[in-house]
C-alpha cells in the first residue's frame, strides 16, 4: 500500500464503505483497525455520525487550544524537544531525510480527542512538533472511532484525516514519521510488514511503544501466539536504534509512558529474515 492521498473532506463525504462498530472501551476500539483482510485491501471509512455538531466543535477546539498551551509550557515538552535535537537523534533523522527537507507525519490510533485527555495531549504534541521542528511536514491522521466533529477539529488544526483504514500498512515511499503512541502490537507489525524491505525501512521513523519492552515480554512469557503477532517487531530489533522518552511528571504519564523513538539502520548486504525468530518460536513451543 503506497503513501495515500485519500483524505476525508466533510463537505463531500464518501458515503461508501464498511462501517466500524464503536465499542466503549478504547482497547477494544483499537481492534477495529485490524479486521481480517489481505494486506492489499483498504477499508473505505467515514465518521459514523455524518453531521458536525457545531457546539461540540467549539468546545473541543477550546479544549485542544488549552491542551496545547499546557504542553508547550511544560517541562515535559522542553525535555522532549531537547532530546530530539541531540546529535544522536538528529543524525538518525538526517539519515532518514536524505536529500528531502521535510518528513510527513502519519498518526495512527489517536483515539477520541473529544472523550479523553491522553489523545488530546498526544495530538497536541504532534502539532507542536510541526510548529517547532522545521523538518516535520504535513500531518495525516486516522482512527476508526473519530467522529465528524472531531474530524472537523482536526482539519481546522491543520491535519488531514484519511478516508480509508490502511490498517497501519502505509508504505514509506518517502521519509515518513509514524506517530503511534500506545497502539496495539499488531498495528506496528502491520506497518513493518508493509515496509519489509531495507530501502523502505530506512525511510521510516517510528514514535511508539518500546520494541525493547516487547522483546523482553516475549522472552519472559514465551508465548508462541505473542511471538507470531510480533514477528516483524522481534525480527527488526537487532537493526533498531531505540531512544526512550521521559514523561517527567504524572500529568503526562498516561499519554506518553513507555514510548520510544525507533530508527532502522542496516549494513549494505543486510537481508531481512526470521531465522532467529524461528529459534524463539521453537523455544516457546518446548516450554509450553
C-alpha atoms as a PDB file:
ATOM      1  CA  UNK A   1       0.000   0.000   0.000  1.00  0.00           C
ATOM      2  CA  UNK A   2       1.641   3.197  -1.122  1.00  0.00           C
ATOM      3  CA  UNK A   3       1.527   6.594   0.515  1.00  0.00           C
ATOM      4  CA  UNK A   4      -2.103   7.638   0.474  1.00  0.00           C
ATOM      5  CA  UNK A   5      -3.654  10.763  -0.969  1.00  0.00           C
ATOM      6  CA  UNK A   6      -7.055   9.643   0.326  1.00  0.00           C
ATOM      7  CA  UNK A   7      -8.125  12.267   2.815  1.00  0.00           C
ATOM      8  CA  UNK A   8     -11.602  12.913   4.099  1.00  0.00           C
ATOM      9  CA  UNK A   9     -13.369  16.197   3.491  1.00  0.00           C
ATOM     10  CA  UNK A  10     -16.631  16.684   5.326  1.00  0.00           C
ATOM     11  CA  UNK A  11     -18.046  18.922   2.609  1.00  0.00           C
ATOM     12  CA  UNK A  12     -18.127  15.939   0.233  1.00  0.00           C
ATOM     13  CA  UNK A  13     -18.185  12.836   2.415  1.00  0.00           C
ATOM     14  CA  UNK A  14     -17.531   9.460   0.867  1.00  0.00           C
ATOM     15  CA  UNK A  15     -20.632   7.540   1.891  1.00  0.00           C
ATOM     16  CA  UNK A  16     -19.430   4.205   0.589  1.00  0.00           C
ATOM     17  CA  UNK A  17     -17.648   1.771   2.772  1.00  0.00           C
ATOM     18  CA  UNK A  18     -17.983  -0.629   5.528  1.00  0.00           C
ATOM     19  CA  UNK A  19     -18.868   0.691   8.939  1.00  0.00           C
ATOM     20  CA  UNK A  20     -16.968   0.078  12.118  1.00  0.00           C
ATOM     21  CA  UNK A  21     -18.911  -0.632  15.279  1.00  0.00           C
ATOM     22  CA  UNK A  22     -17.752   1.750  18.004  1.00  0.00           C
ATOM     23  CA  UNK A  23     -17.115  -0.013  21.279  1.00  0.00           C
ATOM     24  CA  UNK A  24     -16.999   1.830  24.595  1.00  0.00           C
ATOM     25  CA  UNK A  25     -13.568   0.746  25.782  1.00  0.00           C
ATOM     26  CA  UNK A  26     -10.581   2.230  23.988  1.00  0.00           C
ATOM     27  CA  UNK A  27      -8.603  -1.031  23.927  1.00  0.00           C
ATOM     28  CA  UNK A  28     -11.431  -2.727  22.038  1.00  0.00           C
ATOM     29  CA  UNK A  29     -11.932   0.297  19.795  1.00  0.00           C
ATOM     30  CA  UNK A  30      -8.387  -0.013  18.524  1.00  0.00           C
ATOM     31  CA  UNK A  31      -9.165  -3.549  17.367  1.00  0.00           C
ATOM     32  CA  UNK A  32     -11.283  -2.018  14.605  1.00  0.00           C
ATOM     33  CA  UNK A  33      -8.062  -1.258  12.739  1.00  0.00           C
ATOM     34  CA  UNK A  34      -7.359  -4.924  12.401  1.00  0.00           C
ATOM     35  CA  UNK A  35     -10.175  -6.594  10.538  1.00  0.00           C
ATOM     36  CA  UNK A  36      -9.239  -9.774   8.698  1.00  0.00           C
ATOM     37  CA  UNK A  37      -8.171  -8.583   5.254  1.00  0.00           C
ATOM     38  CA  UNK A  38      -5.361  -9.251   2.861  1.00  0.00           C
ATOM     39  CA  UNK A  39      -2.604  -6.611   3.018  1.00  0.00           C
ATOM     40  CA  UNK A  40      -3.636  -5.210  -0.382  1.00  0.00           C
ATOM     41  CA  UNK A  41      -7.172  -4.290   0.680  1.00  0.00           C
ATOM     42  CA  UNK A  42      -8.228  -0.950   2.110  1.00  0.00           C
ATOM     43  CA  UNK A  43     -11.411  -0.306   4.034  1.00  0.00           C
ATOM     44  CA  UNK A  44     -13.250   2.884   2.960  1.00  0.00           C
ATOM     45  CA  UNK A  45     -14.131   4.934   6.020  1.00  0.00           C
ATOM     46  CA  UNK A  46     -16.226   7.927   7.025  1.00  0.00           C
ATOM     47  CA  UNK A  47     -17.323   9.008  10.515  1.00  0.00           C
ATOM     48  CA  UNK A  48     -20.328   7.021  11.694  1.00  0.00           C
ATOM     49  CA  UNK A  49     -22.104  10.316  12.501  1.00  0.00           C
ATOM     50  CA  UNK A  50     -22.231  12.356   9.290  1.00  0.00           C
ATOM     51  CA  UNK A  51     -23.194  15.671  10.878  1.00  0.00           C
ATOM     52  CA  UNK A  52     -20.838  18.080  12.618  1.00  0.00           C
ATOM     53  CA  UNK A  53     -22.166  19.342  15.946  1.00  0.00           C
ATOM     54  CA  UNK A  54     -21.002  22.966  15.959  1.00  0.00           C
ATOM     55  CA  UNK A  55     -21.429  23.432  19.716  1.00  0.00           C
ATOM     56  CA  UNK A  56     -19.291  20.349  20.381  1.00  0.00           C
ATOM     57  CA  UNK A  57     -16.816  21.554  17.747  1.00  0.00           C
ATOM     58  CA  UNK A  58     -16.372  24.885  19.501  1.00  0.00           C
ATOM     59  CA  UNK A  59     -15.922  23.256  22.922  1.00  0.00           C
ATOM     60  CA  UNK A  60     -13.435  20.736  21.557  1.00  0.00           C
ATOM     61  CA  UNK A  61     -11.389  23.463  19.868  1.00  0.00           C
ATOM     62  CA  UNK A  62     -11.188  25.271  23.203  1.00  0.00           C
ATOM     63  CA  UNK A  63     -10.061  22.051  24.900  1.00  0.00           C
ATOM     64  CA  UNK A  64      -7.382  21.495  22.246  1.00  0.00           C
ATOM     65  CA  UNK A  65      -6.094  25.049  22.468  1.00  0.00           C
ATOM     66  CA  UNK A  66      -5.825  24.815  26.257  1.00  0.00           C
ATOM     67  CA  UNK A  67      -4.175  21.421  25.952  1.00  0.00           C
ATOM     68  CA  UNK A  68      -1.540  22.679  23.513  1.00  0.00           C
ATOM     69  CA  UNK A  69      -0.774  25.660  25.733  1.00  0.00           C
ATOM     70  CA  UNK A  70      -0.356  23.287  28.665  1.00  0.00           C
ATOM     71  CA  UNK A  71       2.012  21.023  26.735  1.00  0.00           C
ATOM     72  CA  UNK A  72       4.018  23.840  25.173  1.00  0.00           C
ATOM     73  CA  UNK A  73       4.744  25.451  28.558  1.00  0.00           C
ATOM     74  CA  UNK A  74       5.583  22.153  30.296  1.00  0.00           C
ATOM     75  CA  UNK A  75       8.903  20.736  31.430  1.00  0.00           C
ATOM     76  CA  UNK A  76       7.929  17.551  29.579  1.00  0.00           C
ATOM     77  CA  UNK A  77       7.828  19.341  26.212  1.00  0.00           C
ATOM     78  CA  UNK A  78      11.087  21.151  26.861  1.00  0.00           C
ATOM     79  CA  UNK A  79      12.882  17.885  27.646  1.00  0.00           C
ATOM     80  CA  UNK A  80      11.164  16.127  24.723  1.00  0.00           C
ATOM     81  CA  UNK A  81      12.314  18.727  22.177  1.00  0.00           C
ATOM     82  CA  UNK A  82      15.812  18.887  23.694  1.00  0.00           C
ATOM     83  CA  UNK A  83      16.139  15.116  23.295  1.00  0.00           C
ATOM     84  CA  UNK A  84      15.120  15.251  19.624  1.00  0.00           C
ATOM     85  CA  UNK A  85      17.747  17.904  18.985  1.00  0.00           C
ATOM     86  CA  UNK A  86      20.624  15.901  20.476  1.00  0.00           C
ATOM     87  CA  UNK A  87      23.290  14.879  17.902  1.00  0.00           C
ATOM     88  CA  UNK A  88      22.418  11.196  18.433  1.00  0.00           C
ATOM     89  CA  UNK A  89      18.816  11.569  17.290  1.00  0.00           C
ATOM     90  CA  UNK A  90      19.384  14.323  14.730  1.00  0.00           C
ATOM     91  CA  UNK A  91      21.968  12.138  12.958  1.00  0.00           C
ATOM     92  CA  UNK A  92      19.285   9.436  12.647  1.00  0.00           C
ATOM     93  CA  UNK A  93      16.707  11.942  11.377  1.00  0.00           C
ATOM     94  CA  UNK A  94      19.075  13.383   8.764  1.00  0.00           C
ATOM     95  CA  UNK A  95      19.884   9.837   7.636  1.00  0.00           C
ATOM     96  CA  UNK A  96      16.166   9.159   7.076  1.00  0.00           C
ATOM     97  CA  UNK A  97      15.587  12.502   5.334  1.00  0.00           C
ATOM     98  CA  UNK A  98      18.448  12.022   2.876  1.00  0.00           C
ATOM     99  CA  UNK A  99      18.019  14.700   0.222  1.00  0.00           C
ATOM    100  CA  UNK A 100      14.494  15.614   1.403  1.00  0.00           C
ATOM    101  CA  UNK A 101      13.846  18.660   3.584  1.00  0.00           C
ATOM    102  CA  UNK A 102      10.532  17.522   5.096  1.00  0.00           C
ATOM    103  CA  UNK A 103       9.240  14.314   6.633  1.00  0.00           C
ATOM    104  CA  UNK A 104       5.494  13.670   6.501  1.00  0.00           C
ATOM    105  CA  UNK A 105       3.818  12.537   9.713  1.00  0.00           C
ATOM    106  CA  UNK A 106       1.214   9.764   9.791  1.00  0.00           C
ATOM    107  CA  UNK A 107      -0.726   9.394  13.041  1.00  0.00           C
ATOM    108  CA  UNK A 108      -2.483   6.079  13.592  1.00  0.00           C
ATOM    109  CA  UNK A 109      -4.640   5.193  16.607  1.00  0.00           C
ATOM    110  CA  UNK A 110      -5.032   8.650  18.112  1.00  0.00           C
ATOM    111  CA  UNK A 111      -8.322   7.675  19.794  1.00  0.00           C
ATOM    112  CA  UNK A 112     -11.166  10.040  20.678  1.00  0.00           C
ATOM    113  CA  UNK A 113      -9.792  13.525  21.264  1.00  0.00           C
ATOM    114  CA  UNK A 114     -13.224  14.612  22.481  1.00  0.00           C
ATOM    115  CA  UNK A 115     -13.646  11.923  25.128  1.00  0.00           C
ATOM    116  CA  UNK A 116     -10.153  11.538  26.613  1.00  0.00           C
ATOM    117  CA  UNK A 117      -7.276  13.769  27.646  1.00  0.00           C
ATOM    118  CA  UNK A 118      -4.385  11.450  26.620  1.00  0.00           C
ATOM    119  CA  UNK A 119      -5.331  11.617  22.904  1.00  0.00           C
ATOM    120  CA  UNK A 120      -5.564  15.413  23.174  1.00  0.00           C
ATOM    121  CA  UNK A 121      -2.104  15.534  24.727  1.00  0.00           C
ATOM    122  CA  UNK A 122      -0.724  13.253  22.004  1.00  0.00           C
ATOM    123  CA  UNK A 123      -2.299  15.276  19.207  1.00  0.00           C
ATOM    124  CA  UNK A 124      -1.177  18.499  20.843  1.00  0.00           C
ATOM    125  CA  UNK A 125       2.399  17.203  20.979  1.00  0.00           C
ATOM    126  CA  UNK A 126       2.322  16.244  17.287  1.00  0.00           C
ATOM    127  CA  UNK A 127       1.033  19.681  16.214  1.00  0.00           C
ATOM    128  CA  UNK A 128       3.595  21.441  18.416  1.00  0.00           C
ATOM    129  CA  UNK A 129       6.349  19.317  16.879  1.00  0.00           C
ATOM    130  CA  UNK A 130       5.338  20.569  13.434  1.00  0.00           C
ATOM    131  CA  UNK A 131       5.344  24.125  14.775  1.00  0.00           C
ATOM    132  CA  UNK A 132       8.757  23.786  16.437  1.00  0.00           C
ATOM    133  CA  UNK A 133      10.692  21.456  14.103  1.00  0.00           C
ATOM    134  CA  UNK A 134      11.354  22.620  10.544  1.00  0.00           C
ATOM    135  CA  UNK A 135      11.702  19.074   9.168  1.00  0.00           C
ATOM    136  CA  UNK A 136       8.147  17.994  10.066  1.00  0.00           C
ATOM    137  CA  UNK A 137       5.832  18.172   7.041  1.00  0.00           C
ATOM    138  CA  UNK A 138       2.119  17.538   6.606  1.00  0.00           C
ATOM    139  CA  UNK A 139       0.209  15.553   9.237  1.00  0.00           C
ATOM    140  CA  UNK A 140      -2.252  12.796   8.294  1.00  0.00           C
ATOM    141  CA  UNK A 141      -4.458  11.217  10.967  1.00  0.00           C
ATOM    142  CA  UNK A 142      -6.584   8.113  11.237  1.00  0.00           C
ATOM    143  CA  UNK A 143      -8.554   6.322  13.903  1.00  0.00           C
ATOM    144  CA  UNK A 144     -11.797   4.466  13.121  1.00  0.00           C
ATOM    145  CA  UNK A 145     -13.511   5.928  16.185  1.00  0.00           C
ATOM    146  CA  UNK A 146     -13.176   9.581  15.130  1.00  0.00           C
ATOM    147  CA  UNK A 147     -16.479  11.446  14.906  1.00  0.00           C
ATOM    148  CA  UNK A 148     -17.434  14.014  12.268  1.00  0.00           C
ATOM    149  CA  UNK A 149     -16.982  16.744  14.876  1.00  0.00           C
ATOM    150  CA  UNK A 150     -13.506  15.504  15.799  1.00  0.00           C
ATOM    151  CA  UNK A 151     -12.621  15.241  12.112  1.00  0.00           C
ATOM    152  CA  UNK A 152     -13.616  18.874  11.541  1.00  0.00           C
ATOM    153  CA  UNK A 153     -11.492  19.989  14.516  1.00  0.00           C
ATOM    154  CA  UNK A 154      -8.511  18.010  13.222  1.00  0.00           C
ATOM    155  CA  UNK A 155      -8.864  19.701   9.831  1.00  0.00           C
ATOM    156  CA  UNK A 156      -9.105  23.130  11.492  1.00  0.00           C
ATOM    157  CA  UNK A 157      -5.875  22.336  13.350  1.00  0.00           C
ATOM    158  CA  UNK A 158      -4.138  21.681  10.036  1.00  0.00           C
ATOM    159  CA  UNK A 159      -4.323  17.881   9.888  1.00  0.00           C
ATOM    160  CA  UNK A 160      -5.721  15.710   7.078  1.00  0.00           C
ATOM    161  CA  UNK A 161      -7.993  12.808   8.058  1.00  0.00           C
ATOM    162  CA  UNK A 162      -7.676   9.685   5.916  1.00  0.00           C
ATOM    163  CA  UNK A 163     -10.787   8.334   4.203  1.00  0.00           C
ATOM    164  CA  UNK A 164      -9.538   4.732   4.271  1.00  0.00           C
ATOM    165  CA  UNK A 165      -8.490   2.410   7.056  1.00  0.00           C
ATOM    166  CA  UNK A 166      -4.977   1.448   5.981  1.00  0.00           C
ATOM    167  CA  UNK A 167      -4.659  -0.940   8.956  1.00  0.00           C
ATOM    168  CA  UNK A 168      -1.211   0.555   9.512  1.00  0.00           C
ATOM    169  CA  UNK A 169       0.048  -0.706   6.146  1.00  0.00           C
ATOM    170  CA  UNK A 170       1.350   2.575   4.710  1.00  0.00           C
ATOM    171  CA  UNK A 171       4.480   2.066   2.620  1.00  0.00           C
ATOM    172  CA  UNK A 172       7.212   4.616   3.221  1.00  0.00           C
ATOM    173  CA  UNK A 173       7.904   5.687  -0.366  1.00  0.00           C
ATOM    174  CA  UNK A 174       9.352   8.893   1.089  1.00  0.00           C
ATOM    175  CA  UNK A 175      10.656   9.773   4.574  1.00  0.00           C
ATOM    176  CA  UNK A 176       7.773   9.248   6.993  1.00  0.00           C
ATOM    177  CA  UNK A 177       7.358   9.694  10.737  1.00  0.00           C
ATOM    178  CA  UNK A 178       4.748   7.267  12.058  1.00  0.00           C
ATOM    179  CA  UNK A 179       3.343   8.751  15.268  1.00  0.00           C
ATOM    180  CA  UNK A 180       1.677   5.807  17.017  1.00  0.00           C
ATOM    181  CA  UNK A 181       1.559   6.132  20.825  1.00  0.00           C
ATOM    182  CA  UNK A 182       0.110   3.073  22.586  1.00  0.00           C
ATOM    183  CA  UNK A 183      -1.182   1.278  19.508  1.00  0.00           C
ATOM    184  CA  UNK A 184      -1.619  -2.483  19.596  1.00  0.00           C
ATOM    185  CA  UNK A 185       1.395  -4.602  18.679  1.00  0.00           C
ATOM    186  CA  UNK A 186      -0.393  -5.974  15.606  1.00  0.00           C
ATOM    187  CA  UNK A 187      -0.621  -2.463  14.141  1.00  0.00           C
ATOM    188  CA  UNK A 188       3.135  -1.921  14.477  1.00  0.00           C
ATOM    189  CA  UNK A 189       3.673  -5.340  12.962  1.00  0.00           C
ATOM    190  CA  UNK A 190       1.403  -4.446  10.015  1.00  0.00           C
ATOM    191  CA  UNK A 191       3.465  -1.320   9.409  1.00  0.00           C
ATOM    192  CA  UNK A 192       6.736  -3.226   9.452  1.00  0.00           C
ATOM    193  CA  UNK A 193       5.350  -5.961   7.212  1.00  0.00           C
ATOM    194  CA  UNK A 194       4.240  -3.394   4.623  1.00  0.00           C
ATOM    195  CA  UNK A 195       7.765  -1.939   4.647  1.00  0.00           C
ATOM    196  CA  UNK A 196       9.703  -5.184   4.969  1.00  0.00           C
ATOM    197  CA  UNK A 197      12.495  -4.074   2.645  1.00  0.00           C
ATOM    198  CA  UNK A 198      15.742  -2.415   3.653  1.00  0.00           C
ATOM    199  CA  UNK A 199      15.205   0.574   1.334  1.00  0.00           C
ATOM    200  CA  UNK A 200      11.744   1.286   2.808  1.00  0.00           C
ATOM    201  CA  UNK A 201      12.545   0.730   6.483  1.00  0.00           C
ATOM    202  CA  UNK A 202      15.395   3.211   6.135  1.00  0.00           C
ATOM    203  CA  UNK A 203      12.746   5.841   5.326  1.00  0.00           C
ATOM    204  CA  UNK A 204      10.720   5.085   8.479  1.00  0.00           C
ATOM    205  CA  UNK A 205      10.842   6.855  11.831  1.00  0.00           C
ATOM    206  CA  UNK A 206       8.515   5.307  14.399  1.00  0.00           C
ATOM    207  CA  UNK A 207       7.387   7.001  17.594  1.00  0.00           C
ATOM    208  CA  UNK A 208       5.503   4.418  19.597  1.00  0.00           C
ATOM    209  CA  UNK A 209       5.640   1.608  22.127  1.00  0.00           C
ATOM    210  CA  UNK A 210       9.096   0.344  23.036  1.00  0.00           C
ATOM    211  CA  UNK A 211      10.182  -2.584  20.844  1.00  0.00           C
ATOM    212  CA  UNK A 212      12.714  -3.481  23.527  1.00  0.00           C
ATOM    213  CA  UNK A 213       9.864  -3.938  26.011  1.00  0.00           C
ATOM    214  CA  UNK A 214       8.012  -6.218  23.559  1.00  0.00           C
ATOM    215  CA  UNK A 215      11.147  -8.336  23.223  1.00  0.00           C
ATOM    216  CA  UNK A 216      11.579  -8.566  26.996  1.00  0.00           C
ATOM    217  CA  UNK A 217       7.921  -9.539  27.427  1.00  0.00           C
ATOM    218  CA  UNK A 218       8.148 -12.359  24.887  1.00  0.00           C
ATOM    219  CA  UNK A 219      11.425 -13.588  26.376  1.00  0.00           C
ATOM    220  CA  UNK A 220       9.840 -13.857  29.828  1.00  0.00           C
ATOM    221  CA  UNK A 221       6.433 -15.308  28.936  1.00  0.00           C
ATOM    222  CA  UNK A 222       7.482 -17.362  25.885  1.00  0.00           C
ATOM    223  CA  UNK A 223       4.064 -17.430  24.249  1.00  0.00           C
ATOM    224  CA  UNK A 224       4.057 -18.677  20.638  1.00  0.00           C
ATOM    225  CA  UNK A 225       0.979 -16.588  19.752  1.00  0.00           C
ATOM    226  CA  UNK A 226       2.657 -13.416  21.038  1.00  0.00           C
ATOM    227  CA  UNK A 227       5.773 -14.217  19.021  1.00  0.00           C
ATOM    228  CA  UNK A 228       3.783 -14.704  15.816  1.00  0.00           C
ATOM    229  CA  UNK A 229       1.796 -11.492  16.332  1.00  0.00           C
ATOM    230  CA  UNK A 230       5.020  -9.552  16.870  1.00  0.00           C
ATOM    231  CA  UNK A 231       7.295 -11.386  14.439  1.00  0.00           C
ATOM    232  CA  UNK A 232       8.336  -8.302  12.451  1.00  0.00           C
ATOM    233  CA  UNK A 233       8.881  -6.278  15.643  1.00  0.00           C
ATOM    234  CA  UNK A 234      11.080  -9.001  17.119  1.00  0.00           C
ATOM    235  CA  UNK A 235      12.983  -9.633  13.885  1.00  0.00           C
ATOM    236  CA  UNK A 236      13.788  -5.962  13.274  1.00  0.00           C
ATOM    237  CA  UNK A 237      15.022  -5.375  16.836  1.00  0.00           C
ATOM    238  CA  UNK A 238      18.680  -6.065  16.014  1.00  0.00           C
ATOM    239  CA  UNK A 239      18.558  -3.349  13.333  1.00  0.00           C
ATOM    240  CA  UNK A 240      16.780  -0.820  15.562  1.00  0.00           C
ATOM    241  CA  UNK A 241      18.188   2.217  17.324  1.00  0.00           C
ATOM    242  CA  UNK A 242      15.744   2.984  20.125  1.00  0.00           C
ATOM    243  CA  UNK A 243      15.613   6.081  22.313  1.00  0.00           C
ATOM    244  CA  UNK A 244      13.116   6.115  25.191  1.00  0.00           C
ATOM    245  CA  UNK A 245      11.485   9.392  26.212  1.00  0.00           C
ATOM    246  CA  UNK A 246      10.918  10.795  29.694  1.00  0.00           C
ATOM    247  CA  UNK A 247       7.395  11.549  30.884  1.00  0.00           C
ATOM    248  CA  UNK A 248       8.768  13.774  33.697  1.00  0.00           C
ATOM    249  CA  UNK A 249       5.518  14.113  35.665  1.00  0.00           C
ATOM    250  CA  UNK A 250       2.260  12.277  36.379  1.00  0.00           C
ATOM    251  CA  UNK A 251       0.409  14.780  34.150  1.00  0.00           C
ATOM    252  CA  UNK A 252       1.964  13.167  31.074  1.00  0.00           C
ATOM    253  CA  UNK A 253       2.436   9.569  32.206  1.00  0.00           C
ATOM    254  CA  UNK A 254      -0.830   8.130  30.824  1.00  0.00           C
ATOM    255  CA  UNK A 255      -0.329   9.727  27.424  1.00  0.00           C
ATOM    256  CA  UNK A 256       3.380   9.041  26.955  1.00  0.00           C
ATOM    257  CA  UNK A 257       4.660   6.293  29.247  1.00  0.00           C
ATOM    258  CA  UNK A 258       6.973   3.629  27.767  1.00  0.00           C
ATOM    259  CA  UNK A 259       7.256   5.374  24.380  1.00  0.00           C
ATOM    260  CA  UNK A 260      10.394   5.449  22.257  1.00  0.00           C
ATOM    261  CA  UNK A 261      11.850   6.774  19.044  1.00  0.00           C
ATOM    262  CA  UNK A 262      12.770   3.942  16.659  1.00  0.00           C
ATOM    263  CA  UNK A 263      15.167   4.220  13.712  1.00  0.00           C
ATOM    264  CA  UNK A 264      16.238   1.348  11.461  1.00  0.00           C
ATOM    265  CA  UNK A 265      19.832   1.009  10.327  1.00  0.00           C
ATOM    266  CA  UNK A 266      21.273  -1.691   8.056  1.00  0.00           C
ATOM    267  CA  UNK A 267      24.546  -2.818   6.550  1.00  0.00           C
ATOM    268  CA  UNK A 268      24.585  -2.736   2.721  1.00  0.00           C
ATOM    269  CA  UNK A 269      24.320  -6.535   2.477  1.00  0.00           C
ATOM    270  CA  UNK A 270      21.579  -6.939   5.082  1.00  0.00           C
ATOM    271  CA  UNK A 271      18.774  -9.384   4.347  1.00  0.00           C
ATOM    272  CA  UNK A 272      15.621  -9.272   6.437  1.00  0.00           C
ATOM    273  CA  UNK A 273      14.971 -12.772   7.721  1.00  0.00           C
ATOM    274  CA  UNK A 274      13.138 -14.569  10.518  1.00  0.00           C
ATOM    275  CA  UNK A 275      15.867 -17.142  11.339  1.00  0.00           C
ATOM    276  CA  UNK A 276      16.448 -16.094  14.956  1.00  0.00           C
ATOM    277  CA  UNK A 277      12.727 -15.616  15.441  1.00  0.00           C
ATOM    278  CA  UNK A 278      12.106 -19.244  14.476  1.00  0.00           C
ATOM    279  CA  UNK A 279      14.558 -20.291  17.192  1.00  0.00           C
ATOM    280  CA  UNK A 280      12.488 -18.318  19.689  1.00  0.00           C
ATOM    281  CA  UNK A 281       9.265 -19.950  18.429  1.00  0.00           C
ATOM    282  CA  UNK A 282      10.871 -23.370  18.928  1.00  0.00           C
ATOM    283  CA  UNK A 283      11.906 -22.403  22.452  1.00  0.00           C
ATOM    284  CA  UNK A 284       8.386 -21.218  23.249  1.00  0.00           C
ATOM    285  CA  UNK A 285       6.914 -24.471  21.933  1.00  0.00           C
ATOM    286  CA  UNK A 286       9.261 -26.535  24.075  1.00  0.00           C
ATOM    287  CA  UNK A 287       8.334 -24.638  27.256  1.00  0.00           C
ATOM    288  CA  UNK A 288       4.589 -24.547  26.554  1.00  0.00           C
END
